[in-house]
Amino acid sequence: MTVAVEEEVEVSFPFDHKELAGRVIAEALDFEGFPYEAEVGLFLVSPEEIQGMNREHRQVDRPTDVLSFPMAAYERPGDFEAFGQDGDNFNPDTGEAMLGDIVLNVEWVKEQARQYGHSEEREYAFLILHSILHLFGYDHMTEAEAAQMEGKQRAILDQMGISR
């Protein structure tokens, strides 16, 4: 598994953010039974940078905490059967499945941790997990989708011993 981390801003978390990102993504891959070695891009950015991306890609002109850019489309969330059939979703150099990119607003990780009364480590892990589930095709546009996604997030974080 490859997690390519790009730091577009100074990152000063009280934990090893690269190691934690790798653990969260690996745990989600295992939990979902992803059948391939995977590659994920993680971009750590400012509120201004994520606002520009949000405006460009979602037509929402405000910052957000995290954005997900999946490389694959799924018929059903977490259904990886068709993922590798055409080979387009694999890095030709490494053979790894290219899941997509996660863009994380570093300032908001810190702010939301304070607002929600938990650690920066928990907020960071939660946002990466939330985003990787989007890269697996999950969404939260309906109550049923949200409940499914929230259940997976809770189960994976509990399994990792990361709690509020």
N, C-alpha and C. Protein backbone atom coordinates (compact mmCIF):
# COMPACT_ATOMS: atom_id res chain seq x y z
N MET A 1 0.85 -1.18 0.00
CA MET A 1 0.00 0.00 0.00
C MET A 1 0.89 1.24 0.00
N THR A 2 0.46 2.21 -0.80
CA THR A 2 1.18 3.48 -0.85
C THR A 2 0.23 4.61 -0.48
N VAL A 3 0.64 5.42 0.47
CA VAL A 3 -0.07 6.65 0.80
C VAL A 3 0.93 7.78 0.50
N ALA A 4 0.67 8.49 -0.59
CA ALA A 4 1.54 9.59 -1.00
C ALA A 4 1.03 10.87 -0.32
N VAL A 5 1.80 11.37 0.65
CA VAL A 5 1.39 12.54 1.42
C VAL A 5 2.09 13.78 0.87
N GLU A 6 1.29 14.78 0.53
CA GLU A 6 1.79 16.08 0.07
C GLU A 6 1.38 17.13 1.09
N GLU A 7 2.34 17.78 1.69
CA GLU A 7 2.06 18.82 2.69
C GLU A 7 2.16 20.18 2.03
N GLU A 8 1.00 20.79 1.77
CA GLU A 8 0.96 22.11 1.15
C GLU A 8 1.03 23.22 2.19
N VAL A 9 0.91 22.84 3.46
CA VAL A 9 0.99 23.77 4.59
C VAL A 9 1.86 23.13 5.67
N GLU A 10 2.26 23.95 6.65
CA GLU A 10 3.00 23.40 7.77
C GLU A 10 2.08 22.49 8.58
N VAL A 11 2.55 21.33 8.91
CA VAL A 11 1.77 20.35 9.65
C VAL A 11 2.43 20.15 11.01
N SER A 12 1.68 20.43 12.07
CA SER A 12 2.24 20.33 13.42
C SER A 12 1.29 19.59 14.36
N PHE A 13 0.96 18.37 14.00
CA PHE A 13 0.11 17.57 14.86
C PHE A 13 0.96 16.92 15.96
N PRO A 14 0.36 16.63 17.11
CA PRO A 14 1.10 15.97 18.20
C PRO A 14 1.16 14.44 18.03
N PHE A 15 1.15 13.98 16.81
CA PHE A 15 1.22 12.55 16.49
C PHE A 15 1.84 12.43 15.11
N ASP A 16 2.24 11.23 14.75
CA ASP A 16 2.84 10.98 13.43
C ASP A 16 1.70 10.88 12.42
N HIS A 17 1.42 11.97 11.74
CA HIS A 17 0.26 12.03 10.84
C HIS A 17 0.40 11.11 9.63
N LYS A 18 1.60 10.87 9.15
CA LYS A 18 1.77 9.97 8.00
C LYS A 18 1.50 8.52 8.43
N GLU A 19 2.03 8.15 9.58
CA GLU A 19 1.81 6.79 10.09
C GLU A 19 0.34 6.56 10.36
N LEU A 20 -0.32 7.52 10.99
CA LEU A 20 -1.75 7.36 11.31
C LEU A 20 -2.58 7.27 10.04
N ALA A 21 -2.29 8.08 9.05
CA ALA A 21 -3.03 8.00 7.79
C ALA A 21 -2.90 6.60 7.20
N GLY A 22 -1.69 6.06 7.20
CA GLY A 22 -1.48 4.70 6.67
C GLY A 22 -2.25 3.65 7.45
N ARG A 23 -2.25 3.77 8.77
CA ARG A 23 -2.99 2.80 9.60
C ARG A 23 -4.49 2.86 9.34
N VAL A 24 -5.04 4.08 9.26
CA VAL A 24 -6.48 4.23 9.04
C VAL A 24 -6.86 3.65 7.67
N ILE A 25 -6.10 3.98 6.66
CA ILE A 25 -6.42 3.50 5.32
C ILE A 25 -6.28 1.98 5.26
N ALA A 26 -5.22 1.43 5.85
CA ALA A 26 -5.04 -0.03 5.87
C ALA A 26 -6.19 -0.72 6.59
N GLU A 27 -6.62 -0.14 7.70
CA GLU A 27 -7.73 -0.72 8.47
C GLU A 27 -9.02 -0.71 7.64
N ALA A 28 -9.27 0.39 6.93
CA ALA A 28 -10.47 0.48 6.08
C ALA A 28 -10.40 -0.52 4.93
N LEU A 29 -9.23 -0.66 4.32
CA LEU A 29 -9.06 -1.64 3.23
C LEU A 29 -9.36 -3.05 3.73
N ASP A 30 -8.82 -3.39 4.90
CA ASP A 30 -9.06 -4.72 5.48
C ASP A 30 -10.53 -4.90 5.84
N PHE A 31 -11.13 -3.90 6.49
CA PHE A 31 -12.52 -3.97 6.92
C PHE A 31 -13.45 -4.21 5.73
N GLU A 32 -13.16 -3.54 4.64
CA GLU A 32 -14.00 -3.65 3.43
C GLU A 32 -13.62 -4.83 2.55
N GLY A 33 -12.52 -5.48 2.84
CA GLY A 33 -12.09 -6.62 2.03
C GLY A 33 -11.61 -6.20 0.65
N PHE A 34 -10.93 -5.06 0.56
CA PHE A 34 -10.43 -4.60 -0.74
C PHE A 34 -9.39 -5.60 -1.23
N PRO A 35 -9.58 -6.16 -2.43
CA PRO A 35 -8.77 -7.30 -2.86
C PRO A 35 -7.42 -6.98 -3.51
N TYR A 36 -7.02 -5.72 -3.55
CA TYR A 36 -5.78 -5.34 -4.24
C TYR A 36 -4.90 -4.51 -3.32
N GLU A 37 -3.62 -4.42 -3.67
CA GLU A 37 -2.76 -3.43 -3.05
C GLU A 37 -3.25 -2.07 -3.54
N ALA A 38 -3.22 -1.08 -2.69
CA ALA A 38 -3.85 0.20 -3.03
C ALA A 38 -2.87 1.37 -2.95
N GLU A 39 -3.26 2.42 -3.67
CA GLU A 39 -2.52 3.68 -3.67
C GLU A 39 -3.52 4.81 -3.42
N VAL A 40 -3.18 5.70 -2.47
CA VAL A 40 -4.04 6.83 -2.13
C VAL A 40 -3.16 8.07 -2.04
N GLY A 41 -3.66 9.18 -2.58
CA GLY A 41 -2.98 10.47 -2.41
C GLY A 41 -3.63 11.22 -1.26
N LEU A 42 -2.81 11.80 -0.39
CA LEU A 42 -3.30 12.60 0.73
C LEU A 42 -2.65 13.97 0.66
N PHE A 43 -3.46 14.99 0.48
CA PHE A 43 -2.98 16.37 0.36
C PHE A 43 -3.43 17.14 1.59
N LEU A 44 -2.48 17.70 2.32
CA LEU A 44 -2.76 18.48 3.52
C LEU A 44 -2.65 19.95 3.14
N VAL A 45 -3.79 20.66 3.23
CA VAL A 45 -3.87 22.00 2.66
C VAL A 45 -4.45 23.02 3.63
N SER A 46 -4.46 24.27 3.19
CA SER A 46 -5.02 25.39 3.95
C SER A 46 -6.50 25.53 3.66
N PRO A 47 -7.21 26.31 4.49
CA PRO A 47 -8.62 26.59 4.21
C PRO A 47 -8.82 27.26 2.84
N GLU A 48 -7.91 28.13 2.46
CA GLU A 48 -8.03 28.82 1.18
C GLU A 48 -7.89 27.85 0.01
N GLU A 49 -6.93 26.93 0.12
CA GLU A 49 -6.73 25.96 -0.96
C GLU A 49 -7.94 25.04 -1.11
N ILE A 50 -8.46 24.55 -0.01
CA ILE A 50 -9.60 23.64 -0.11
C ILE A 50 -10.85 24.39 -0.57
N GLN A 51 -10.97 25.66 -0.21
CA GLN A 51 -12.10 26.45 -0.69
C GLN A 51 -12.05 26.57 -2.21
N GLY A 52 -10.87 26.82 -2.76
CA GLY A 52 -10.73 26.89 -4.22
C GLY A 52 -11.11 25.59 -4.89
N MET A 53 -10.71 24.48 -4.32
CA MET A 53 -11.05 23.16 -4.88
C MET A 53 -12.55 22.90 -4.74
N ASN A 54 -13.11 23.26 -3.61
CA ASN A 54 -14.54 23.07 -3.38
C ASN A 54 -15.36 23.89 -4.39
N ARG A 55 -14.90 25.10 -4.64
CA ARG A 55 -15.57 25.97 -5.61
C ARG A 55 -15.46 25.37 -7.02
N GLU A 56 -14.26 24.94 -7.37
CA GLU A 56 -14.02 24.41 -8.72
C GLU A 56 -14.75 23.08 -8.98
N HIS A 57 -14.72 22.19 -8.03
CA HIS A 57 -15.24 20.83 -8.26
C HIS A 57 -16.68 20.61 -7.80
N ARG A 58 -17.14 21.42 -6.83
CA ARG A 58 -18.49 21.21 -6.29
C ARG A 58 -19.38 22.43 -6.41
N GLN A 59 -18.80 23.53 -6.93
CA GLN A 59 -19.52 24.81 -7.05
C GLN A 59 -20.03 25.30 -5.69
N VAL A 60 -19.25 25.05 -4.65
CA VAL A 60 -19.56 25.51 -3.30
C VAL A 60 -18.39 26.41 -2.88
N ASP A 61 -18.64 27.70 -2.78
CA ASP A 61 -17.57 28.66 -2.54
C ASP A 61 -17.36 28.92 -1.05
N ARG A 62 -16.89 27.88 -0.36
CA ARG A 62 -16.52 28.01 1.05
C ARG A 62 -15.56 26.86 1.39
N PRO A 63 -14.78 27.05 2.44
CA PRO A 63 -13.89 25.96 2.85
C PRO A 63 -14.71 24.80 3.42
N THR A 64 -14.09 23.66 3.47
CA THR A 64 -14.68 22.47 4.07
C THR A 64 -13.57 21.71 4.78
N ASP A 65 -13.91 20.65 5.48
CA ASP A 65 -12.89 19.91 6.23
C ASP A 65 -12.11 18.94 5.35
N VAL A 66 -12.82 18.25 4.45
CA VAL A 66 -12.15 17.23 3.63
C VAL A 66 -12.90 17.07 2.32
N LEU A 67 -12.14 16.80 1.27
CA LEU A 67 -12.71 16.48 -0.04
C LEU A 67 -12.16 15.14 -0.50
N SER A 68 -12.97 14.41 -1.24
CA SER A 68 -12.57 13.10 -1.75
C SER A 68 -12.70 13.10 -3.26
N PHE A 69 -11.69 12.56 -3.92
CA PHE A 69 -11.70 12.48 -5.38
C PHE A 69 -11.44 11.03 -5.79
N PRO A 70 -12.52 10.22 -5.88
CA PRO A 70 -12.37 8.81 -6.23
C PRO A 70 -11.91 8.63 -7.68
N MET A 71 -11.12 7.60 -7.89
CA MET A 71 -10.65 7.26 -9.24
C MET A 71 -11.56 6.23 -9.91
N ALA A 72 -12.44 5.62 -9.15
CA ALA A 72 -13.30 4.57 -9.70
C ALA A 72 -14.76 4.87 -9.41
N ALA A 73 -15.60 4.37 -10.28
CA ALA A 73 -17.06 4.44 -10.05
C ALA A 73 -17.51 3.03 -9.68
N TYR A 74 -18.43 2.95 -8.76
CA TYR A 74 -18.92 1.65 -8.28
C TYR A 74 -20.40 1.53 -8.57
N GLU A 75 -20.82 0.33 -8.95
CA GLU A 75 -22.26 0.10 -9.11
C GLU A 75 -22.94 0.17 -7.75
N ARG A 76 -22.26 -0.41 -6.75
CA ARG A 76 -22.74 -0.37 -5.37
C ARG A 76 -21.53 -0.05 -4.48
N PRO A 77 -21.73 0.74 -3.45
CA PRO A 77 -20.60 1.06 -2.56
C PRO A 77 -19.93 -0.20 -2.03
N GLY A 78 -18.62 -0.19 -2.05
CA GLY A 78 -17.86 -1.32 -1.51
C GLY A 78 -17.89 -2.56 -2.37
N ASP A 79 -18.43 -2.47 -3.58
CA ASP A 79 -18.47 -3.62 -4.50
C ASP A 79 -17.27 -3.50 -5.43
N PHE A 80 -16.21 -4.23 -5.12
CA PHE A 80 -14.96 -4.09 -5.85
C PHE A 80 -14.83 -5.09 -7.00
N GLU A 81 -15.88 -5.84 -7.28
CA GLU A 81 -15.82 -6.89 -8.30
C GLU A 81 -15.41 -6.35 -9.67
N ALA A 82 -15.97 -5.23 -10.08
CA ALA A 82 -15.68 -4.68 -11.40
C ALA A 82 -14.46 -3.76 -11.41
N PHE A 83 -13.88 -3.53 -10.23
CA PHE A 83 -12.81 -2.54 -10.10
C PHE A 83 -11.66 -2.79 -11.07
N GLY A 84 -11.18 -4.01 -11.13
CA GLY A 84 -9.99 -4.27 -11.92
C GLY A 84 -10.21 -4.87 -13.28
N GLN A 85 -11.41 -4.88 -13.77
CA GLN A 85 -11.69 -5.58 -15.02
C GLN A 85 -11.02 -4.96 -16.25
N ASP A 86 -10.93 -3.63 -16.30
CA ASP A 86 -10.34 -3.02 -17.49
C ASP A 86 -8.89 -2.59 -17.28
N GLY A 87 -8.40 -2.63 -16.06
CA GLY A 87 -7.02 -2.29 -15.78
C GLY A 87 -6.73 -0.80 -15.71
N ASP A 88 -7.71 0.05 -16.02
CA ASP A 88 -7.50 1.50 -16.02
C ASP A 88 -7.24 2.07 -14.64
N ASN A 89 -7.68 1.38 -13.61
CA ASN A 89 -7.56 1.91 -12.25
C ASN A 89 -6.29 1.46 -11.55
N PHE A 90 -5.32 0.97 -12.29
CA PHE A 90 -4.09 0.48 -11.69
C PHE A 90 -2.89 1.28 -12.18
N ASN A 91 -1.99 1.57 -11.25
CA ASN A 91 -0.76 2.27 -11.59
C ASN A 91 0.13 1.31 -12.37
N PRO A 92 0.49 1.66 -13.60
CA PRO A 92 1.28 0.73 -14.41
C PRO A 92 2.68 0.49 -13.85
N ASP A 93 3.18 1.41 -13.04
CA ASP A 93 4.52 1.25 -12.47
C ASP A 93 4.55 0.35 -11.25
N THR A 94 3.49 0.43 -10.43
CA THR A 94 3.50 -0.33 -9.17
C THR A 94 2.51 -1.49 -9.15
N GLY A 95 1.52 -1.45 -10.04
CA GLY A 95 0.47 -2.47 -10.04
C GLY A 95 -0.59 -2.23 -8.98
N GLU A 96 -0.45 -1.14 -8.21
CA GLU A 96 -1.42 -0.86 -7.16
C GLU A 96 -2.69 -0.23 -7.72
N ALA A 97 -3.80 -0.54 -7.08
CA ALA A 97 -5.09 0.06 -7.44
C ALA A 97 -5.08 1.51 -7.00
N MET A 98 -5.37 2.42 -7.91
CA MET A 98 -5.41 3.84 -7.60
C MET A 98 -6.82 4.19 -7.13
N LEU A 99 -6.96 4.35 -5.81
CA LEU A 99 -8.28 4.63 -5.25
C LEU A 99 -8.70 6.08 -5.43
N GLY A 100 -7.75 7.01 -5.37
CA GLY A 100 -8.07 8.42 -5.53
C GLY A 100 -7.32 9.27 -4.53
N ASP A 101 -7.81 10.50 -4.38
CA ASP A 101 -7.14 11.48 -3.54
C ASP A 101 -8.04 11.98 -2.43
N ILE A 102 -7.40 12.28 -1.30
CA ILE A 102 -8.05 12.89 -0.14
C ILE A 102 -7.38 14.25 0.05
N VAL A 103 -8.19 15.29 0.19
CA VAL A 103 -7.67 16.63 0.45
C VAL A 103 -8.19 17.06 1.82
N LEU A 104 -7.27 17.33 2.74
CA LEU A 104 -7.63 17.57 4.13
C LEU A 104 -7.20 18.97 4.56
N ASN A 105 -8.13 19.69 5.15
CA ASN A 105 -7.92 21.05 5.65
C ASN A 105 -7.31 20.95 7.06
N VAL A 106 -6.01 21.18 7.17
CA VAL A 106 -5.28 21.00 8.42
C VAL A 106 -5.81 21.90 9.54
N GLU A 107 -6.06 23.16 9.23
CA GLU A 107 -6.58 24.07 10.26
C GLU A 107 -7.90 23.59 10.82
N TRP A 108 -8.75 23.07 9.95
CA TRP A 108 -10.08 22.62 10.40
C TRP A 108 -9.99 21.35 11.23
N VAL A 109 -8.98 20.50 10.99
CA VAL A 109 -8.81 19.33 11.85
C VAL A 109 -8.63 19.81 13.29
N LYS A 110 -7.76 20.79 13.47
CA LYS A 110 -7.49 21.31 14.80
C LYS A 110 -8.73 21.99 15.40
N GLU A 111 -9.39 22.81 14.60
CA GLU A 111 -10.57 23.55 15.08
C GLU A 111 -11.72 22.60 15.41
N GLN A 112 -12.00 21.65 14.54
CA GLN A 112 -13.10 20.71 14.79
C GLN A 112 -12.81 19.82 15.99
N ALA A 113 -11.56 19.45 16.20
CA ALA A 113 -11.22 18.67 17.39
C ALA A 113 -11.59 19.46 18.65
N ARG A 114 -11.26 20.74 18.65
CA ARG A 114 -11.63 21.59 19.80
C ARG A 114 -13.15 21.69 19.94
N GLN A 115 -13.84 21.94 18.82
CA GLN A 115 -15.30 22.09 18.86
C GLN A 115 -15.99 20.84 19.36
N TYR A 116 -15.52 19.67 18.92
CA TYR A 116 -16.17 18.41 19.28
C TYR A 116 -15.66 17.82 20.58
N GLY A 117 -14.63 18.44 21.15
CA GLY A 117 -14.12 17.99 22.44
C GLY A 117 -13.36 16.69 22.40
N HIS A 118 -12.69 16.41 21.30
CA HIS A 118 -11.84 15.22 21.25
C HIS A 118 -10.46 15.60 20.68
N SER A 119 -9.59 14.63 20.57
CA SER A 119 -8.21 14.89 20.18
C SER A 119 -8.09 15.20 18.68
N GLU A 120 -7.01 15.88 18.34
CA GLU A 120 -6.70 16.11 16.92
C GLU A 120 -6.47 14.78 16.22
N GLU A 121 -5.89 13.83 16.92
CA GLU A 121 -5.65 12.50 16.36
C GLU A 121 -6.97 11.85 15.95
N ARG A 122 -7.97 11.95 16.82
CA ARG A 122 -9.28 11.34 16.51
C ARG A 122 -9.93 12.04 15.32
N GLU A 123 -9.88 13.36 15.27
CA GLU A 123 -10.49 14.11 14.17
C GLU A 123 -9.79 13.80 12.85
N TYR A 124 -8.48 13.77 12.87
CA TYR A 124 -7.69 13.46 11.67
C TYR A 124 -8.03 12.06 11.16
N ALA A 125 -8.03 11.09 12.07
CA ALA A 125 -8.35 9.70 11.70
C ALA A 125 -9.77 9.61 11.14
N PHE A 126 -10.71 10.28 11.81
CA PHE A 126 -12.10 10.25 11.36
C PHE A 126 -12.23 10.81 9.95
N LEU A 127 -11.62 11.96 9.68
CA LEU A 127 -11.77 12.59 8.36
C LEU A 127 -11.12 11.76 7.25
N ILE A 128 -9.99 11.15 7.55
CA ILE A 128 -9.36 10.27 6.55
C ILE A 128 -10.24 9.05 6.31
N LEU A 129 -10.76 8.47 7.37
CA LEU A 129 -11.64 7.32 7.23
C LEU A 129 -12.90 7.69 6.45
N HIS A 130 -13.51 8.81 6.79
CA HIS A 130 -14.70 9.28 6.08
C HIS A 130 -14.40 9.40 4.59
N SER A 131 -13.26 9.97 4.28
CA SER A 131 -12.90 10.18 2.88
C SER A 131 -12.58 8.87 2.16
N ILE A 132 -11.90 7.95 2.82
CA ILE A 132 -11.58 6.68 2.16
C ILE A 132 -12.87 5.91 1.86
N LEU A 133 -13.86 6.03 2.74
CA LEU A 133 -15.14 5.39 2.44
C LEU A 133 -15.79 6.01 1.20
N HIS A 134 -15.63 7.32 1.02
CA HIS A 134 -16.08 7.94 -0.23
C HIS A 134 -15.32 7.35 -1.42
N LEU A 135 -14.02 7.10 -1.25
CA LEU A 135 -13.23 6.50 -2.34
C LEU A 135 -13.68 5.08 -2.65
N PHE A 136 -14.38 4.44 -1.71
CA PHE A 136 -14.96 3.11 -1.93
C PHE A 136 -16.38 3.19 -2.49
N GLY A 137 -16.88 4.40 -2.73
CA GLY A 137 -18.21 4.56 -3.32
C GLY A 137 -19.32 4.86 -2.33
N TYR A 138 -19.02 4.95 -1.05
CA TYR A 138 -20.05 5.25 -0.06
C TYR A 138 -20.37 6.74 -0.08
N ASP A 139 -21.60 7.07 0.31
CA ASP A 139 -22.01 8.47 0.38
C ASP A 139 -22.98 8.63 1.54
N HIS A 140 -23.43 9.85 1.77
CA HIS A 140 -24.34 10.12 2.89
C HIS A 140 -25.41 11.11 2.46
N MET A 141 -25.92 10.95 1.24
CA MET A 141 -26.94 11.86 0.71
C MET A 141 -28.34 11.53 1.24
N THR A 142 -28.57 10.28 1.61
CA THR A 142 -29.86 9.90 2.19
C THR A 142 -29.61 9.42 3.63
N GLU A 143 -30.69 9.32 4.39
CA GLU A 143 -30.55 8.84 5.77
C GLU A 143 -29.98 7.43 5.83
N ALA A 144 -30.41 6.58 4.92
CA ALA A 144 -29.92 5.19 4.90
C ALA A 144 -28.43 5.15 4.56
N GLU A 145 -28.01 5.94 3.58
CA GLU A 145 -26.59 5.99 3.22
C GLU A 145 -25.76 6.52 4.38
N ALA A 146 -26.26 7.58 5.02
CA ALA A 146 -25.54 8.17 6.15
C ALA A 146 -25.41 7.16 7.29
N ALA A 147 -26.48 6.45 7.58
CA ALA A 147 -26.45 5.45 8.66
C ALA A 147 -25.43 4.35 8.36
N GLN A 148 -25.39 3.90 7.11
CA GLN A 148 -24.43 2.87 6.71
C GLN A 148 -22.99 3.37 6.87
N MET A 149 -22.75 4.56 6.38
CA MET A 149 -21.41 5.13 6.44
C MET A 149 -20.98 5.38 7.89
N GLU A 150 -21.88 5.94 8.68
CA GLU A 150 -21.58 6.22 10.09
C GLU A 150 -21.29 4.93 10.85
N GLY A 151 -22.03 3.87 10.55
CA GLY A 151 -21.80 2.59 11.20
C GLY A 151 -20.42 2.04 10.89
N LYS A 152 -20.01 2.15 9.65
CA LYS A 152 -18.68 1.69 9.25
C LYS A 152 -17.59 2.52 9.92
N GLN A 153 -17.79 3.84 9.94
CA GLN A 153 -16.80 4.72 10.58
C GLN A 153 -16.64 4.36 12.04
N ARG A 154 -17.74 4.20 12.74
CA ARG A 154 -17.72 3.86 14.17
C ARG A 154 -17.02 2.51 14.39
N ALA A 155 -17.38 1.52 13.58
CA ALA A 155 -16.80 0.18 13.75
C ALA A 155 -15.29 0.18 13.51
N ILE A 156 -14.85 0.86 12.49
CA ILE A 156 -13.42 0.87 12.17
C ILE A 156 -12.63 1.64 13.22
N LEU A 157 -13.12 2.80 13.62
CA LEU A 157 -12.42 3.57 14.65
C LEU A 157 -12.40 2.82 15.98
N ASP A 158 -13.51 2.15 16.34
CA ASP A 158 -13.54 1.35 17.56
C ASP A 158 -12.51 0.21 17.49
N GLN A 159 -12.45 -0.42 16.33
CA GLN A 159 -11.50 -1.52 16.11
C GLN A 159 -10.07 -1.03 16.29
N MET A 160 -9.82 0.23 15.94
CA MET A 160 -8.49 0.81 16.06
C MET A 160 -8.23 1.38 17.45
N GLY A 161 -9.25 1.43 18.29
CA GLY A 161 -9.11 2.00 19.62
C GLY A 161 -9.04 3.52 19.62
N ILE A 162 -9.63 4.13 18.59
CA ILE A 162 -9.65 5.59 18.49
C ILE A 162 -11.08 6.04 18.78
N SER A 163 -11.25 6.68 19.93
CA SER A 163 -12.60 7.05 20.32
C SER A 163 -12.68 8.54 20.58
N ARG A 164 -13.92 9.01 20.74
CA ARG A 164 -14.14 10.42 21.04
C ARG A 164 -13.69 10.64 22.43
